Protein backbone atom coordinates (compact mmCIF):
# COMPACT_ATOMS: atom_id res chain seq x y z
CA UNK A 1 0.00 0.00 0.00
CA UNK A 2 1.06 3.58 -0.70
CA UNK A 3 -1.71 5.48 1.03
CA UNK A 4 -2.18 8.58 3.16
CA UNK A 5 -5.66 7.57 4.28
CA UNK A 6 -6.54 4.10 5.53
CA UNK A 7 -10.34 4.30 5.67
CA UNK A 8 -10.82 1.76 2.88
CA UNK A 9 -8.15 -0.51 4.29
CA UNK A 10 -9.86 -0.42 7.67
CA UNK A 11 -13.06 -1.62 5.98
CA UNK A 12 -11.16 -4.47 4.33
CA UNK A 13 -9.70 -5.45 7.67
CA UNK A 14 -13.16 -5.38 9.23
CA UNK A 15 -14.47 -7.69 6.51
CA UNK A 16 -11.54 -10.10 6.93
CA UNK A 17 -12.08 -10.19 10.68
CA UNK A 18 -15.69 -11.27 10.16
CA UNK A 19 -14.66 -13.92 7.60
CA UNK A 20 -12.13 -15.59 9.91
CA UNK A 21 -8.96 -14.77 7.95
CA UNK A 22 -6.16 -17.33 8.37
CA UNK A 23 -3.23 -15.56 6.68
CA UNK A 24 -2.71 -11.80 6.60
CA UNK A 25 0.13 -9.84 5.00
CA UNK A 26 0.09 -6.04 5.30
CA UNK A 27 2.96 -4.14 3.66
CA UNK A 28 2.65 -0.37 3.91
CA UNK A 29 5.12 1.86 2.02
CA UNK A 30 4.04 5.27 3.25
CA UNK A 31 3.18 6.47 6.75
CA UNK A 32 2.78 3.82 9.40
CA UNK A 33 -0.58 2.09 9.48
CA UNK A 34 -2.13 1.76 12.93
CA UNK A 35 -3.80 -1.61 13.03
CA UNK A 36 -7.50 -1.30 13.83
CA UNK A 37 -8.75 -3.04 16.96
CA UNK A 38 -10.76 -5.66 15.06
CA UNK A 39 -7.55 -7.14 13.61
CA UNK A 40 -6.84 -8.44 17.09
CA UNK A 41 -10.13 -10.34 17.12
CA UNK A 42 -8.97 -12.59 14.25
CA UNK A 43 -8.50 -15.69 16.36
CA UNK A 44 -8.20 -18.03 13.35
CA UNK A 45 -4.97 -16.39 12.16
CA UNK A 46 -2.20 -18.90 11.44
CA UNK A 47 0.26 -16.53 9.77
CA UNK A 48 0.60 -12.78 10.29
CA UNK A 49 3.09 -10.58 8.43
CA UNK A 50 3.21 -6.83 9.08
CA UNK A 51 5.47 -4.15 7.62
CA UNK A 52 5.48 -0.47 8.67
CA UNK A 53 2.59 -0.63 11.11
CA UNK A 54 1.79 0.42 14.67
CA UNK A 55 1.09 -2.58 16.89
CA UNK A 56 -1.22 -1.37 19.63
CA UNK A 57 -3.85 -3.95 20.58
CA UNK A 58 -6.84 -3.13 22.78
CA UNK A 59 -6.47 -3.62 26.53
CA UNK A 60 -8.65 -6.74 26.51
CA UNK A 61 -6.47 -8.47 23.89
CA UNK A 62 -4.87 -11.63 25.29
CA UNK A 63 -3.24 -13.14 22.23
CA UNK A 64 -3.62 -15.17 19.02
CA UNK A 65 -4.27 -18.76 20.03
CA UNK A 66 -3.69 -20.41 16.61
CA UNK A 67 -0.88 -18.21 15.29
CA UNK A 68 2.12 -20.27 14.10
CA UNK A 69 4.25 -17.69 12.27
CA UNK A 70 4.67 -13.99 13.07
CA UNK A 71 6.84 -11.67 10.96
CA UNK A 72 7.13 -8.06 12.06
CA UNK A 73 9.18 -5.46 10.17
CA UNK A 74 9.40 -1.72 10.84
CA UNK A 75 6.87 -2.09 13.63
CA UNK A 76 6.36 0.35 16.48
CA UNK A 77 5.04 -1.38 19.59
CA UNK A 78 2.68 0.81 21.58
CA UNK A 79 3.80 1.87 25.04
CA UNK A 80 0.49 0.61 26.44
CA UNK A 81 1.78 -2.92 25.84
CA UNK A 82 4.34 -2.53 28.63
CA UNK A 83 3.72 -5.23 31.24
CA UNK A 84 0.83 -6.83 29.35
CA UNK A 85 1.58 -10.42 28.38
CA UNK A 86 0.40 -11.65 24.98
CA UNK A 87 -0.24 -15.37 24.70
CA UNK A 88 0.94 -17.08 21.51
CA UNK A 89 0.69 -20.77 22.49
CA UNK A 90 1.09 -22.13 18.94
CA UNK A 91 3.84 -19.78 17.72
CA UNK A 92 6.78 -21.59 16.12
CA UNK A 93 8.51 -18.92 14.03
CA UNK A 94 9.10 -15.33 15.14
CA UNK A 95 10.82 -12.72 12.94
CA UNK A 96 11.55 -9.23 14.28
CA UNK A 97 13.32 -6.79 11.98
CA UNK A 98 13.84 -3.03 12.41
CA UNK A 99 11.27 -2.79 15.19
CA UNK A 100 11.00 -0.08 17.85
CA UNK A 101 10.09 -0.46 21.53
CA UNK A 102 10.59 -4.21 21.32
CA UNK A 103 10.74 -4.36 25.11
CA UNK A 104 7.01 -3.54 25.15
CA UNK A 105 6.32 -6.76 23.26
CA UNK A 106 5.91 -9.18 26.17
CA UNK A 107 4.93 -12.57 24.77
CA UNK A 108 4.47 -16.11 26.02
CA UNK A 109 5.42 -18.57 23.28
CA UNK A 110 6.42 -21.91 24.72
CA UNK A 111 6.55 -23.70 21.35
CA UNK A 112 8.89 -21.22 19.66
CA UNK A 113 11.41 -23.01 17.43
CA UNK A 114 12.99 -20.28 15.30
CA UNK A 115 13.79 -16.72 16.35
CA UNK A 116 15.11 -14.17 13.86
CA UNK A 117 16.15 -10.83 15.31
CA UNK A 118 17.61 -8.02 13.22
CA UNK A 119 18.20 -4.29 13.43
CA UNK A 120 16.11 -3.73 16.55
CA UNK A 121 17.79 -0.68 18.05
CA UNK A 122 16.38 -1.25 21.51
CA UNK A 123 17.26 -4.94 21.61
CA UNK A 124 19.38 -4.12 24.67
CA UNK A 125 16.32 -5.00 26.74
CA UNK A 126 16.04 -8.53 25.34
CA UNK A 127 16.16 -9.82 28.89
CA UNK A 128 12.45 -9.12 29.02
CA UNK A 129 11.76 -10.67 25.63
CA UNK A 130 12.66 -14.19 26.79
CA UNK A 131 12.50 -14.18 30.60
CA UNK A 132 12.12 -17.95 30.77
CA UNK A 133 13.65 -20.92 29.00
CA UNK A 134 12.13 -21.91 25.65
CA UNK A 135 12.90 -25.58 25.23
CA UNK A 136 11.66 -25.82 21.63
CA UNK A 137 13.96 -23.10 20.20
CA UNK A 138 16.56 -24.80 17.99
CA UNK A 139 17.56 -22.09 15.47
CA UNK A 140 18.64 -18.57 16.42
CA UNK A 141 19.74 -15.94 13.92
CA UNK A 142 20.93 -12.50 15.06
CA UNK A 143 21.27 -9.98 12.22
CA UNK A 144 23.39 -6.83 12.61
CA UNK A 145 23.87 -7.61 16.27
CA UNK A 146 26.56 -5.15 17.23
CA UNK A 147 26.99 -2.33 19.67
CA UNK A 148 27.91 -2.62 23.34
CA UNK A 149 27.81 -4.53 26.60
CA UNK A 150 24.03 -4.32 26.75
CA UNK A 151 23.74 -6.28 23.53
CA UNK A 152 26.25 -8.80 24.86
CA UNK A 153 24.03 -9.33 27.89
CA UNK A 154 21.05 -9.73 25.56
CA UNK A 155 22.84 -12.35 23.45
CA UNK A 156 23.89 -14.26 26.56
CA UNK A 157 20.32 -14.22 27.82
CA UNK A 158 18.97 -15.55 24.53
CA UNK A 159 21.54 -18.33 24.41
CA UNK A 160 21.15 -19.26 28.06
CA UNK A 161 17.35 -19.45 27.74
CA UNK A 162 17.60 -21.75 24.72
CA UNK A 163 18.82 -25.05 26.24
CA UNK A 164 18.05 -27.01 23.05
CA UNK A 165 19.67 -24.55 20.66
CA UNK A 166 21.37 -26.43 17.80
CA UNK A 167 22.39 -23.66 15.40
CA UNK A 168 23.45 -20.10 16.12
CA UNK A 169 24.03 -17.58 13.35
CA UNK A 170 25.36 -14.05 13.84
CA UNK A 171 25.49 -12.04 10.63
CA UNK A 172 27.33 -8.72 10.46
CA UNK A 173 28.39 -9.19 14.06
CA UNK A 174 31.08 -6.66 15.01
CA UNK A 175 29.98 -6.10 18.61
CA UNK A 176 32.43 -3.26 19.16
CA UNK A 177 34.05 -1.19 16.47
CA UNK A 178 37.67 -0.17 16.82
CA UNK A 179 36.88 3.50 17.35
CA UNK A 180 34.41 2.81 20.17
CA UNK A 181 35.28 2.91 23.85
CA UNK A 182 36.60 -0.40 25.17
CA UNK A 183 34.69 -1.51 28.29
CA UNK A 184 36.53 -1.62 31.58
CA UNK A 185 37.30 -5.08 32.92
CA UNK A 186 34.99 -4.57 35.90
CA UNK A 187 32.13 -3.93 33.47
CA UNK A 188 32.56 -7.23 31.69
CA UNK A 189 30.29 -10.11 32.70
CA UNK A 190 31.75 -12.78 34.97
CA UNK A 191 33.21 -15.82 33.17
CA UNK A 192 30.65 -17.89 35.09
CA UNK A 193 27.68 -15.82 33.82
CA UNK A 194 26.71 -18.61 31.41
CA UNK A 195 25.86 -21.15 34.09
CA UNK A 196 24.05 -23.48 31.69
CA UNK A 197 25.63 -26.10 29.45
CA UNK A 198 24.59 -25.81 25.81
CA UNK A 199 24.37 -29.55 25.25
CA UNK A 200 22.67 -29.36 21.85
CA UNK A 201 24.63 -26.56 20.19
CA UNK A 202 26.39 -28.05 17.17
CA UNK A 203 26.98 -25.29 14.62
CA UNK A 204 27.86 -21.62 15.08
CA UNK A 205 28.52 -19.06 12.35
CA UNK A 206 29.82 -15.55 13.04
CA UNK A 207 30.38 -13.03 10.27
CA UNK A 208 32.34 -9.75 10.26
CA UNK A 209 34.35 -10.45 13.40
CA UNK A 210 36.30 -7.38 14.56
CA UNK A 211 38.27 -9.04 17.36
CA UNK A 212 37.02 -6.84 20.22
CA UNK A 213 37.17 -7.88 23.85
CA UNK A 214 33.41 -8.40 23.90
CA UNK A 215 33.40 -10.60 20.80
CA UNK A 216 36.23 -12.79 22.03
CA UNK A 217 34.61 -13.11 25.44
CA UNK A 218 31.38 -14.33 23.82
CA UNK A 219 33.21 -16.87 21.62
CA UNK A 220 35.21 -18.10 24.61
CA UNK A 221 32.00 -18.73 26.55
CA UNK A 222 30.43 -20.62 23.65
CA UNK A 223 33.45 -22.89 23.25
CA UNK A 224 33.68 -23.58 26.97
CA UNK A 225 29.99 -24.45 27.40
CA UNK A 226 29.17 -26.40 24.22
CA UNK A 227 30.27 -30.06 24.60
CA UNK A 228 28.52 -31.11 21.37
CA UNK A 229 29.92 -28.35 19.17
CA UNK A 230 30.97 -29.61 15.75
CA UNK A 231 31.77 -26.47 13.78
CA UNK A 232 32.50 -22.83 14.51
CA UNK A 233 32.70 -20.76 11.33
CA UNK A 234 34.18 -17.28 11.59
CA UNK A 235 34.57 -14.62 8.91
CA UNK A 236 36.73 -11.71 10.00
CA UNK A 237 36.01 -8.09 9.17
CA UNK A 238 37.13 -6.75 5.80
CA UNK A 239 38.73 -3.78 7.56
CA UNK A 240 41.25 -5.93 9.40
CA UNK A 241 44.69 -6.55 7.88
CA UNK A 242 46.07 -10.06 7.24
CA UNK A 243 48.35 -10.00 10.31
CA UNK A 244 45.46 -9.05 12.59
CA UNK A 245 43.31 -11.80 11.10
CA UNK A 246 46.08 -14.32 11.67
CA UNK A 247 46.56 -13.25 15.30
CA UNK A 248 42.82 -13.32 15.89
CA UNK A 249 42.50 -16.85 14.54
CA UNK A 250 45.47 -17.97 16.63
CA UNK A 251 43.93 -16.53 19.82
CA UNK A 252 40.60 -18.23 19.19
CA UNK A 253 42.31 -21.58 18.54
CA UNK A 254 43.85 -21.36 22.02
CA UNK A 255 40.53 -20.97 23.83
CA UNK A 256 39.53 -23.97 25.98
CA UNK A 257 36.92 -26.06 24.20
CA UNK A 258 34.45 -28.44 25.84
CA UNK A 259 33.91 -30.44 22.66
CA UNK A 260 36.69 -32.84 21.57
CA UNK A 261 35.37 -32.90 18.00
CA UNK A 262 34.87 -29.16 17.46
CA UNK A 263 36.45 -27.58 14.39
CA UNK A 264 37.15 -23.86 14.29
CA UNK A 265 37.34 -22.54 10.73
CA UNK A 266 38.40 -18.91 10.23
CA UNK A 267 37.69 -17.69 6.72
CA UNK A 268 39.11 -14.73 4.87
CA UNK A 269 36.52 -11.97 4.29
CA UNK A 270 37.20 -11.96 0.56
CA UNK A 271 34.97 -14.54 -1.19
CA UNK A 272 36.86 -17.55 -2.44
CA UNK A 273 35.78 -20.64 -4.32
CA UNK A 274 36.59 -23.08 -1.57
CA UNK A 275 34.75 -25.93 0.08
CA UNK A 276 34.98 -24.11 3.43
CA UNK A 277 33.27 -21.05 2.02
CA UNK A 278 30.59 -23.18 0.40
CA UNK A 279 30.05 -25.04 3.67
CA UNK A 280 29.78 -21.76 5.57
CA UNK A 281 27.21 -20.33 3.15
CA UNK A 282 25.16 -23.51 3.25
CA UNK A 283 25.21 -23.45 7.05
CA UNK A 284 24.09 -19.81 7.12
CA UNK A 285 21.25 -20.51 4.69
CA UNK A 286 20.17 -23.55 6.67
CA UNK A 287 20.18 -21.65 9.97
CA UNK A 288 18.22 -18.73 8.52
CA UNK A 289 15.68 -20.53 6.37
CA UNK A 290 15.16 -24.03 7.82
């Protein structure tokens, strides 16, 4: 839609709500569309995809009972959502991309299997997104997950609360750029902060590694707490020189590893026609789209 007025769209939504719509895809290319209240009465929804909308359900809204897949892009979550839990008992796939006020989106989704999180500027408050363990979550993809210690804490929370996580993908990682302030040692999390063994984690892929203290700390924790790890793929940042990439790979190889069969493969940022690169790309695609 490219509209300035949504009166007709509201009427369409009202009709769909009465007809028991099962799949709904709203993509708005102009000003944000505030979803009308009757959208939230569509209890037969199985798949909901929203782009450039305002998500502000009525106070009496409790959740979508049959929803299995939820994709939200460029969504602003209303402040009135703060503290109100939304029940999504059948949700398996959740995609959040470029959303604002994510911390207002308090959901209960015990069957969640795949979580895709990208470009959510306030993802520092992820601790409230997954306050409890989700045993069914097996795939986790974090897109453009880079910034500071708050995002590190968020990543640790997501990993810790996913005891059956099998594949972890971090695209365009770069937690801390070289020109940013390096955190003081007393600000870093304790090495024992990940007090849960990631028994199912087998494959990890990290792209655009800068080599910051925060990044290396996160990798060190993963290696130390993943006894079933088979492969750790790492692509270093294009801005790093060959000597820095070599030293970075050497440091990572020295980290203690809980898995006797783990392979750490550090790839050059420049694309090459190699089996390692092909394997890495296939792993990334499998993590993201499976």
